[in-house]
Amino acid sequence: MIRENIIKYFSDRDCITLVRPIDSEEDLKSLNNIPFNKLKSDFKTEFLKLKSKVFEDSNPKVFNGKKLNGPTLVNLLNEFIKSINQGAVPNINNVYK
């Protein structure tokens, strides 16, 4: 059922892999504090390609006639993850109001 819903609501999918942004394990733990220009060159290049792809190719997700904005989509995904981790089947109608 989860697979069917992912396919239903996210029919257009793409996967992109990125190299590890930095070698140091310690720095990796606090990656959000590392300036972008200090990350690996390969990572930066691929990240910028991914960013362009997302902004150029993505259409807003719509549910019940409402567009999902970034924070709403993040909340929705977090609730899905929480449900799955608790052994429940996520229900978009209970999460998105």
PDB file of N, CA and C in Angstrom:
ATOM      1  N   MET A   1       0.826  -1.191   0.000  1.00  0.00           N
ATOM      2  CA  MET A   1       0.000   0.000   0.000  1.00  0.00           C
ATOM      3  C   MET A   1       0.880   1.269   0.000  1.00  0.00           C
ATOM      4  N   ILE A   2       1.961   1.248   0.781  1.00  0.00           N
ATOM      5  CA  ILE A   2       2.865   2.395   0.823  1.00  0.00           C
ATOM      6  C   ILE A   2       3.471   2.624  -0.552  1.00  0.00           C
ATOM      7  N   ARG A   3       3.938   1.553  -1.161  1.00  0.00           N
ATOM      8  CA  ARG A   3       4.528   1.652  -2.501  1.00  0.00           C
ATOM      9  C   ARG A   3       3.525   2.219  -3.493  1.00  0.00           C
ATOM     10  N   GLU A   4       2.297   1.740  -3.433  1.00  0.00           N
ATOM     11  CA  GLU A   4       1.259   2.216  -4.354  1.00  0.00           C
ATOM     12  C   GLU A   4       1.000   3.708  -4.168  1.00  0.00           C
ATOM     13  N   ASN A   5       0.971   4.166  -2.925  1.00  0.00           N
ATOM     14  CA  ASN A   5       0.736   5.590  -2.666  1.00  0.00           C
ATOM     15  C   ASN A   5       1.910   6.452  -3.124  1.00  0.00           C
ATOM     16  N   ILE A   6       3.120   5.977  -2.925  1.00  0.00           N
ATOM     17  CA  ILE A   6       4.283   6.733  -3.404  1.00  0.00           C
ATOM     18  C   ILE A   6       4.215   6.856  -4.917  1.00  0.00           C
ATOM     19  N   ILE A   7       3.901   5.755  -5.594  1.00  0.00           N
ATOM     20  CA  ILE A   7       3.794   5.778  -7.051  1.00  0.00           C
ATOM     21  C   ILE A   7       2.643   6.696  -7.484  1.00  0.00           C
ATOM     22  N   LYS A   8       1.542   6.641  -6.757  1.00  0.00           N
ATOM     23  CA  LYS A   8       0.365   7.449  -7.102  1.00  0.00           C
ATOM     24  C   LYS A   8       0.655   8.948  -6.940  1.00  0.00           C
ATOM     25  N   TYR A   9       1.217   9.336  -5.811  1.00  0.00           N
ATOM     26  CA  TYR A   9       1.400  10.761  -5.524  1.00  0.00           C
ATOM     27  C   TYR A   9       2.713  11.322  -6.057  1.00  0.00           C
ATOM     28  N   PHE A  10       3.659  10.464  -6.344  1.00  0.00           N
ATOM     29  CA  PHE A  10       4.960  10.914  -6.853  1.00  0.00           C
ATOM     30  C   PHE A  10       5.299  10.083  -8.090  1.00  0.00           C
ATOM     31  N   SER A  11       4.452  10.214  -9.128  1.00  0.00           N
ATOM     32  CA  SER A  11       4.605   9.378 -10.317  1.00  0.00           C
ATOM     33  C   SER A  11       5.857   9.717 -11.118  1.00  0.00           C
ATOM     34  N   ASP A  12       6.300  10.938 -11.089  1.00  0.00           N
ATOM     35  CA  ASP A  12       7.488  11.349 -11.832  1.00  0.00           C
ATOM     36  C   ASP A  12       8.654  11.438 -10.846  1.00  0.00           C
ATOM     37  N   ARG A  13       9.525  10.424 -10.876  1.00  0.00           N
ATOM     38  CA  ARG A  13      10.637  10.361  -9.922  1.00  0.00           C
ATOM     39  C   ARG A  13      11.947  10.253 -10.676  1.00  0.00           C
ATOM     40  N   ASP A  14      13.015  10.643  -9.999  1.00  0.00           N
ATOM     41  CA  ASP A  14      14.351  10.537 -10.563  1.00  0.00           C
ATOM     42  C   ASP A  14      15.315  10.371  -9.394  1.00  0.00           C
ATOM     43  N   CYS A  15      16.377   9.631  -9.601  1.00  0.00           N
ATOM     44  CA  CYS A  15      17.372   9.435  -8.551  1.00  0.00           C
ATOM     45  C   CYS A  15      18.713   9.994  -9.023  1.00  0.00           C
ATOM     46  N   ILE A  16      19.363  10.678  -8.136  1.00  0.00           N
ATOM     47  CA  ILE A  16      20.676  11.245  -8.421  1.00  0.00           C
ATOM     48  C   ILE A  16      21.561  10.954  -7.215  1.00  0.00           C
ATOM     49  N   THR A  17      22.764  10.479  -7.475  1.00  0.00           N
ATOM     50  CA  THR A  17      23.694  10.236  -6.382  1.00  0.00           C
ATOM     51  C   THR A  17      24.718  11.362  -6.331  1.00  0.00           C
ATOM     52  N   LEU A  18      25.149  11.669  -5.136  1.00  0.00           N
ATOM     53  CA  LEU A  18      26.162  12.695  -4.927  1.00  0.00           C
ATOM     54  C   LEU A  18      27.348  12.070  -4.206  1.00  0.00           C
ATOM     55  N   VAL A  19      28.543  12.516  -4.550  1.00  0.00           N
ATOM     56  CA  VAL A  19      29.716  12.048  -3.820  1.00  0.00           C
ATOM     57  C   VAL A  19      29.672  12.622  -2.411  1.00  0.00           C
ATOM     58  N   ARG A  20      30.409  12.024  -1.538  1.00  0.00           N
ATOM     59  CA  ARG A  20      30.492  12.507  -0.165  1.00  0.00           C
ATOM     60  C   ARG A  20      31.016  13.943  -0.185  1.00  0.00           C
ATOM     61  N   PRO A  21      30.356  14.873   0.490  1.00  0.00           N
ATOM     62  CA  PRO A  21      30.727  16.279   0.375  1.00  0.00           C
ATOM     63  C   PRO A  21      32.070  16.657   1.011  1.00  0.00           C
ATOM     64  N   ILE A  22      32.499  15.858   1.967  1.00  0.00           N
ATOM     65  CA  ILE A  22      33.742  16.162   2.677  1.00  0.00           C
ATOM     66  C   ILE A  22      34.305  14.859   3.228  1.00  0.00           C
ATOM     67  N   ASP A  23      35.625  14.750   3.321  1.00  0.00           N
ATOM     68  CA  ASP A  23      36.239  13.488   3.744  1.00  0.00           C
ATOM     69  C   ASP A  23      36.195  13.250   5.250  1.00  0.00           C
ATOM     70  N   SER A  24      36.389  14.281   6.024  1.00  0.00           N
ATOM     71  CA  SER A  24      36.506  14.146   7.472  1.00  0.00           C
ATOM     72  C   SER A  24      35.199  13.701   8.122  1.00  0.00           C
ATOM     73  N   GLU A  25      35.263  12.611   8.876  1.00  0.00           N
ATOM     74  CA  GLU A  25      34.093  12.125   9.617  1.00  0.00           C
ATOM     75  C   GLU A  25      33.599  13.187  10.596  1.00  0.00           C
ATOM     76  N   GLU A  26      34.518  13.848  11.257  1.00  0.00           N
ATOM     77  CA  GLU A  26      34.159  14.855  12.253  1.00  0.00           C
ATOM     78  C   GLU A  26      33.447  16.039  11.596  1.00  0.00           C
ATOM     79  N   ASP A  27      33.983  16.490  10.458  1.00  0.00           N
ATOM     80  CA  ASP A  27      33.347  17.595   9.731  1.00  0.00           C
ATOM     81  C   ASP A  27      31.990  17.178   9.178  1.00  0.00           C
ATOM     82  N   LEU A  28      31.862  15.930   8.807  1.00  0.00           N
ATOM     83  CA  LEU A  28      30.604  15.431   8.258  1.00  0.00           C
ATOM     84  C   LEU A  28      29.483  15.519   9.299  1.00  0.00           C
ATOM     85  N   LYS A  29      29.831  15.364  10.562  1.00  0.00           N
ATOM     86  CA  LYS A  29      28.843  15.442  11.645  1.00  0.00           C
ATOM     87  C   LYS A  29      28.258  16.843  11.786  1.00  0.00           C
ATOM     88  N   SER A  30      29.011  17.846  11.357  1.00  0.00           N
ATOM     89  CA  SER A  30      28.524  19.227  11.452  1.00  0.00           C
ATOM     90  C   SER A  30      28.567  19.892  10.074  1.00  0.00           C
ATOM     91  N   LEU A  31      28.096  19.164   9.081  1.00  0.00           N
ATOM     92  CA  LEU A  31      28.164  19.612   7.695  1.00  0.00           C
ATOM     93  C   LEU A  31      27.474  20.958   7.480  1.00  0.00           C
ATOM     94  N   ASN A  32      26.398  21.200   8.218  1.00  0.00           N
ATOM     95  CA  ASN A  32      25.685  22.465   8.027  1.00  0.00           C
ATOM     96  C   ASN A  32      26.511  23.678   8.469  1.00  0.00           C
ATOM     97  N   ASN A  33      27.628  23.452   9.148  1.00  0.00           N
ATOM     98  CA  ASN A  33      28.509  24.553   9.557  1.00  0.00           C
ATOM     99  C   ASN A  33      29.689  24.744   8.605  1.00  0.00           C
ATOM    100  N   ILE A  34      29.809  23.895   7.601  1.00  0.00           N
ATOM    101  CA  ILE A  34      30.915  23.979   6.643  1.00  0.00           C
ATOM    102  C   ILE A  34      30.464  24.848   5.466  1.00  0.00           C
ATOM    103  N   PRO A  35      31.228  25.889   5.135  1.00  0.00           N
ATOM    104  CA  PRO A  35      30.857  26.718   3.980  1.00  0.00           C
ATOM    105  C   PRO A  35      30.860  25.901   2.692  1.00  0.00           C
ATOM    106  N   PHE A  36      29.956  26.233   1.790  1.00  0.00           N
ATOM    107  CA  PHE A  36      29.819  25.517   0.530  1.00  0.00           C
ATOM    108  C   PHE A  36      31.141  25.480  -0.229  1.00  0.00           C
ATOM    109  N   ASN A  37      31.881  26.568  -0.218  1.00  0.00           N
ATOM    110  CA  ASN A  37      33.143  26.626  -0.979  1.00  0.00           C
ATOM    111  C   ASN A  37      34.226  25.719  -0.397  1.00  0.00           C
ATOM    112  N   LYS A  38      34.024  25.172   0.779  1.00  0.00           N
ATOM    113  CA  LYS A  38      34.991  24.247   1.395  1.00  0.00           C
ATOM    114  C   LYS A  38      34.677  22.781   1.091  1.00  0.00           C
ATOM    115  N   LEU A  39      33.563  22.521   0.423  1.00  0.00           N
ATOM    116  CA  LEU A  39      33.182  21.150   0.102  1.00  0.00           C
ATOM    117  C   LEU A  39      33.931  20.674  -1.137  1.00  0.00           C
ATOM    118  N   LYS A  40      33.925  19.350  -1.351  1.00  0.00           N
ATOM    119  CA  LYS A  40      34.613  18.763  -2.506  1.00  0.00           C
ATOM    120  C   LYS A  40      34.077  19.360  -3.807  1.00  0.00           C
ATOM    121  N   SER A  41      34.978  19.566  -4.733  1.00  0.00           N
ATOM    122  CA  SER A  41      34.628  20.147  -6.024  1.00  0.00           C
ATOM    123  C   SER A  41      33.583  19.300  -6.757  1.00  0.00           C
ATOM    124  N   ASP A  42      33.769  17.977  -6.777  1.00  0.00           N
ATOM    125  CA  ASP A  42      32.817  17.085  -7.449  1.00  0.00           C
ATOM    126  C   ASP A  42      31.425  17.198  -6.827  1.00  0.00           C
ATOM    127  N   PHE A  43      31.383  17.281  -5.516  1.00  0.00           N
ATOM    128  CA  PHE A  43      30.100  17.416  -4.830  1.00  0.00           C
ATOM    129  C   PHE A  43      29.422  18.721  -5.224  1.00  0.00           C
ATOM    130  N   LYS A  44      30.164  19.815  -5.194  1.00  0.00           N
ATOM    131  CA  LYS A  44      29.581  21.124  -5.520  1.00  0.00           C
ATOM    132  C   LYS A  44      29.019  21.134  -6.945  1.00  0.00           C
ATOM    133  N   THR A  45      29.777  20.582  -7.873  1.00  0.00           N
ATOM    134  CA  THR A  45      29.337  20.547  -9.268  1.00  0.00           C
ATOM    135  C   THR A  45      28.035  19.769  -9.411  1.00  0.00           C
ATOM    136  N   GLU A  46      28.007  18.565  -8.838  1.00  0.00           N
ATOM    137  CA  GLU A  46      26.816  17.721  -8.945  1.00  0.00           C
ATOM    138  C   GLU A  46      25.637  18.310  -8.165  1.00  0.00           C
ATOM    139  N   PHE A  47      25.923  18.915  -7.032  1.00  0.00           N
ATOM    140  CA  PHE A  47      24.866  19.543  -6.238  1.00  0.00           C
ATOM    141  C   PHE A  47      24.204  20.675  -7.026  1.00  0.00           C
ATOM    142  N   LEU A  48      25.006  21.485  -7.673  1.00  0.00           N
ATOM    143  CA  LEU A  48      24.456  22.600  -8.459  1.00  0.00           C
ATOM    144  C   LEU A  48      23.632  22.090  -9.644  1.00  0.00           C
ATOM    145  N   LYS A  49      24.054  20.979 -10.244  1.00  0.00           N
ATOM    146  CA  LYS A  49      23.257  20.361 -11.308  1.00  0.00           C
ATOM    147  C   LYS A  49      21.915  19.890 -10.751  1.00  0.00           C
ATOM    148  N   LEU A  50      21.964  19.241  -9.590  1.00  0.00           N
ATOM    149  CA  LEU A  50      20.736  18.761  -8.951  1.00  0.00           C
ATOM    150  C   LEU A  50      19.807  19.930  -8.626  1.00  0.00           C
ATOM    151  N   LYS A  51      20.364  20.978  -8.068  1.00  0.00           N
ATOM    152  CA  LYS A  51      19.569  22.156  -7.713  1.00  0.00           C
ATOM    153  C   LYS A  51      18.880  22.730  -8.951  1.00  0.00           C
ATOM    154  N   SER A  52      19.616  22.852 -10.045  1.00  0.00           N
ATOM    155  CA  SER A  52      19.033  23.361 -11.286  1.00  0.00           C
ATOM    156  C   SER A  52      17.921  22.447 -11.779  1.00  0.00           C
ATOM    157  N   LYS A  53      18.172  21.139 -11.713  1.00  0.00           N
ATOM    158  CA  LYS A  53      17.175  20.170 -12.165  1.00  0.00           C
ATOM    159  C   LYS A  53      15.891  20.288 -11.351  1.00  0.00           C
ATOM    160  N   VAL A  54      16.035  20.418 -10.055  1.00  0.00           N
ATOM    161  CA  VAL A  54      14.858  20.527  -9.188  1.00  0.00           C
ATOM    162  C   VAL A  54      14.049  21.776  -9.548  1.00  0.00           C
ATOM    163  N   PHE A  55      14.723  22.901  -9.695  1.00  0.00           N
ATOM    164  CA  PHE A  55      13.998  24.141  -9.983  1.00  0.00           C
ATOM    165  C   PHE A  55      13.442  24.180 -11.400  1.00  0.00           C
ATOM    166  N   GLU A  56      14.099  23.555 -12.344  1.00  0.00           N
ATOM    167  CA  GLU A  56      13.637  23.587 -13.734  1.00  0.00           C
ATOM    168  C   GLU A  56      12.571  22.531 -14.024  1.00  0.00           C
ATOM    169  N   ASP A  57      12.718  21.358 -13.450  1.00  0.00           N
ATOM    170  CA  ASP A  57      11.861  20.230 -13.825  1.00  0.00           C
ATOM    171  C   ASP A  57      10.702  19.963 -12.879  1.00  0.00           C
ATOM    172  N   SER A  58      10.738  20.508 -11.703  1.00  0.00           N
ATOM    173  CA  SER A  58       9.729  20.159 -10.703  1.00  0.00           C
ATOM    174  C   SER A  58       8.479  21.012 -10.837  1.00  0.00           C
ATOM    175  N   ASN A  59       7.361  20.351 -10.695  1.00  0.00           N
ATOM    176  CA  ASN A  59       6.080  21.036 -10.619  1.00  0.00           C
ATOM    177  C   ASN A  59       5.590  20.921  -9.189  1.00  0.00           C
ATOM    178  N   PRO A  60       4.871  21.922  -8.719  1.00  0.00           N
ATOM    179  CA  PRO A  60       4.366  21.841  -7.343  1.00  0.00           C
ATOM    180  C   PRO A  60       3.438  20.641  -7.172  1.00  0.00           C
ATOM    181  N   LYS A  61       3.546  19.977  -6.043  1.00  0.00           N
ATOM    182  CA  LYS A  61       2.627  18.898  -5.719  1.00  0.00           C
ATOM    183  C   LYS A  61       1.313  19.534  -5.258  1.00  0.00           C
ATOM    184  N   VAL A  62       0.214  18.966  -5.688  1.00  0.00           N
ATOM    185  CA  VAL A  62      -1.097  19.493  -5.335  1.00  0.00           C
ATOM    186  C   VAL A  62      -1.893  18.383  -4.667  1.00  0.00           C
ATOM    187  N   PHE A  63      -2.524  18.720  -3.554  1.00  0.00           N
ATOM    188  CA  PHE A  63      -3.381  17.760  -2.861  1.00  0.00           C
ATOM    189  C   PHE A  63      -4.659  18.483  -2.463  1.00  0.00           C
ATOM    190  N   ASN A  64      -5.789  17.898  -2.800  1.00  0.00           N
ATOM    191  CA  ASN A  64      -7.100  18.513  -2.539  1.00  0.00           C
ATOM    192  C   ASN A  64      -7.158  19.949  -3.059  1.00  0.00           C
ATOM    193  N   GLY A  65      -6.548  20.181  -4.220  1.00  0.00           N
ATOM    194  CA  GLY A  65      -6.598  21.495  -4.843  1.00  0.00           C
ATOM    195  C   GLY A  65      -5.638  22.514  -4.268  1.00  0.00           C
ATOM    196  N   LYS A  66      -4.827  22.130  -3.281  1.00  0.00           N
ATOM    197  CA  LYS A  66      -3.876  23.061  -2.658  1.00  0.00           C
ATOM    198  C   LYS A  66      -2.457  22.665  -3.028  1.00  0.00           C
ATOM    199  N   LYS A  67      -1.635  23.664  -3.357  1.00  0.00           N
ATOM    200  CA  LYS A  67      -0.227  23.397  -3.641  1.00  0.00           C
ATOM    201  C   LYS A  67       0.515  23.152  -2.335  1.00  0.00           C
ATOM    202  N   LEU A  68       1.387  22.142  -2.352  1.00  0.00           N
ATOM    203  CA  LEU A  68       2.234  21.879  -1.190  1.00  0.00           C
ATOM    204  C   LEU A  68       3.476  22.755  -1.311  1.00  0.00           C
ATOM    205  N   ASN A  69       3.709  23.610  -0.326  1.00  0.00           N
ATOM    206  CA  ASN A  69       4.941  24.397  -0.329  1.00  0.00           C
ATOM    207  C   ASN A  69       6.034  23.596   0.378  1.00  0.00           C
ATOM    208  N   GLY A  70       7.240  24.110   0.396  1.00  0.00           N
ATOM    209  CA  GLY A  70       8.373  23.391   0.980  1.00  0.00           C
ATOM    210  C   GLY A  70       8.156  22.940   2.414  1.00  0.00           C
ATOM    211  N   PRO A  71       7.825  23.872   3.320  1.00  0.00           N
ATOM    212  CA  PRO A  71       7.622  23.466   4.723  1.00  0.00           C
ATOM    213  C   PRO A  71       6.493  22.454   4.896  1.00  0.00           C
ATOM    214  N   THR A  72       5.427  22.593   4.128  1.00  0.00           N
ATOM    215  CA  THR A  72       4.314  21.647   4.226  1.00  0.00           C
ATOM    216  C   THR A  72       4.740  20.269   3.746  1.00  0.00           C
ATOM    217  N   LEU A  73       5.491  20.223   2.648  1.00  0.00           N
ATOM    218  CA  LEU A  73       5.973  18.945   2.126  1.00  0.00           C
ATOM    219  C   LEU A  73       6.923  18.276   3.114  1.00  0.00           C
ATOM    220  N   VAL A  74       7.806  19.056   3.732  1.00  0.00           N
ATOM    221  CA  VAL A  74       8.728  18.506   4.733  1.00  0.00           C
ATOM    222  C   VAL A  74       7.940  17.935   5.904  1.00  0.00           C
ATOM    223  N   ASN A  75       6.946  18.660   6.383  1.00  0.00           N
ATOM    224  CA  ASN A  75       6.115  18.172   7.486  1.00  0.00           C
ATOM    225  C   ASN A  75       5.400  16.882   7.093  1.00  0.00           C
ATOM    226  N   LEU A  76       4.873  16.857   5.887  1.00  0.00           N
ATOM    227  CA  LEU A  76       4.177  15.674   5.387  1.00  0.00           C
ATOM    228  C   LEU A  76       5.110  14.461   5.360  1.00  0.00           C
ATOM    229  N   LEU A  77       6.302  14.652   4.833  1.00  0.00           N
ATOM    230  CA  LEU A  77       7.270  13.549   4.771  1.00  0.00           C
ATOM    231  C   LEU A  77       7.699  13.098   6.163  1.00  0.00           C
ATOM    232  N   ASN A  78       7.908  14.047   7.077  1.00  0.00           N
ATOM    233  CA  ASN A  78       8.260  13.684   8.457  1.00  0.00           C
ATOM    234  C   ASN A  78       7.160  12.854   9.109  1.00  0.00           C
ATOM    235  N   GLU A  79       5.912  13.229   8.884  1.00  0.00           N
ATOM    236  CA  GLU A  79       4.792  12.461   9.443  1.00  0.00           C
ATOM    237  C   GLU A  79       4.713  11.074   8.823  1.00  0.00           C
ATOM    238  N   PHE A  80       4.989  10.969   7.521  1.00  0.00           N
ATOM    239  CA  PHE A  80       5.025   9.656   6.877  1.00  0.00           C
ATOM    240  C   PHE A  80       6.098   8.783   7.511  1.00  0.00           C
ATOM    241  N   ILE A  81       7.273   9.335   7.696  1.00  0.00           N
ATOM    242  CA  ILE A  81       8.387   8.582   8.284  1.00  0.00           C
ATOM    243  C   ILE A  81       8.046   8.139   9.694  1.00  0.00           C
ATOM    244  N   LYS A  82       7.448   9.047  10.471  1.00  0.00           N
ATOM    245  CA  LYS A  82       7.062   8.705  11.842  1.00  0.00           C
ATOM    246  C   LYS A  82       6.051   7.561  11.838  1.00  0.00           C
ATOM    247  N   SER A  83       5.069   7.618  10.958  1.00  0.00           N
ATOM    248  CA  SER A  83       4.066   6.551  10.870  1.00  0.00           C
ATOM    249  C   SER A  83       4.706   5.217  10.500  1.00  0.00           C
ATOM    250  N   ILE A  84       5.566   5.251   9.492  1.00  0.00           N
ATOM    251  CA  ILE A  84       6.226   4.018   9.041  1.00  0.00           C
ATOM    252  C   ILE A  84       7.092   3.443  10.159  1.00  0.00           C
ATOM    253  N   ASN A  85       7.836   4.294  10.863  1.00  0.00           N
ATOM    254  CA  ASN A  85       8.692   3.824  11.962  1.00  0.00           C
ATOM    255  C   ASN A  85       7.890   3.236  13.111  1.00  0.00           C
ATOM    256  N   GLN A  86       6.636   3.651  13.247  1.00  0.00           N
ATOM    257  CA  GLN A  86       5.775   3.110  14.302  1.00  0.00           C
ATOM    258  C   GLN A  86       4.989   1.893  13.812  1.00  0.00           C
ATOM    259  N   GLY A  87       5.263   1.474  12.569  1.00  0.00           N
ATOM    260  CA  GLY A  87       4.605   0.299  12.027  1.00  0.00           C
ATOM    261  C   GLY A  87       3.231   0.568  11.455  1.00  0.00           C
ATOM    262  N   ALA A  88       2.865   1.836  11.326  1.00  0.00           N
ATOM    263  CA  ALA A  88       1.555   2.186  10.784  1.00  0.00           C
ATOM    264  C   ALA A  88       1.662   2.479   9.292  1.00  0.00           C
ATOM    265  N   VAL A  89       0.530   2.531   8.642  1.00  0.00           N
ATOM    266  CA  VAL A  89       0.476   2.911   7.229  1.00  0.00           C
ATOM    267  C   VAL A  89       0.133   4.400   7.191  1.00  0.00           C
ATOM    268  N   PRO A  90       0.995   5.207   6.578  1.00  0.00           N
ATOM    269  CA  PRO A  90       0.715   6.649   6.532  1.00  0.00           C
ATOM    270  C   PRO A  90      -0.575   6.946   5.777  1.00  0.00           C
ATOM    271  N   ASN A  91      -1.302   7.930   6.259  1.00  0.00           N
ATOM    272  CA  ASN A  91      -2.537   8.345   5.613  1.00  0.00           C
ATOM    273  C   ASN A  91      -2.438   9.841   5.350  1.00  0.00           C
ATOM    274  N   ILE A  92      -2.336  10.201   4.079  1.00  0.00           N
ATOM    275  CA  ILE A  92      -2.139  11.609   3.722  1.00  0.00           C
ATOM    276  C   ILE A  92      -3.296  12.477   4.209  1.00  0.00           C
ATOM    277  N   ASN A  93      -4.489  11.935   4.273  1.00  0.00           N
ATOM    278  CA  ASN A  93      -5.631  12.723   4.732  1.00  0.00           C
ATOM    279  C   ASN A  93      -5.535  13.112   6.205  1.00  0.00           C
ATOM    280  N   ASN A  94      -4.842  12.304   7.004  1.00  0.00           N
ATOM    281  CA  ASN A  94      -4.667  12.628   8.421  1.00  0.00           C
ATOM    282  C   ASN A  94      -3.532  13.600   8.649  1.00  0.00           C
ATOM    283  N   VAL A  95      -2.611  13.664   7.718  1.00  0.00           N
ATOM    284  CA  VAL A  95      -1.411  14.477   7.883  1.00  0.00           C
ATOM    285  C   VAL A  95      -1.587  15.869   7.277  1.00  0.00           C
ATOM    286  N   TYR A  96      -2.151  15.944   6.090  1.00  0.00           N
ATOM    287  CA  TYR A  96      -2.267  17.210   5.367  1.00  0.00           C
ATOM    288  C   TYR A  96      -3.649  17.800   5.547  1.00  0.00           C
ATOM    289  N   LYS A  97      -3.693  18.930   6.160  1.00  0.00           N
ATOM    290  CA  LYS A  97      -4.987  19.589   6.423  1.00  0.00           C
ATOM    291  C   LYS A  97      -5.068  20.884   5.679  1.00  0.00           C
TER     292      LYS A  97
END
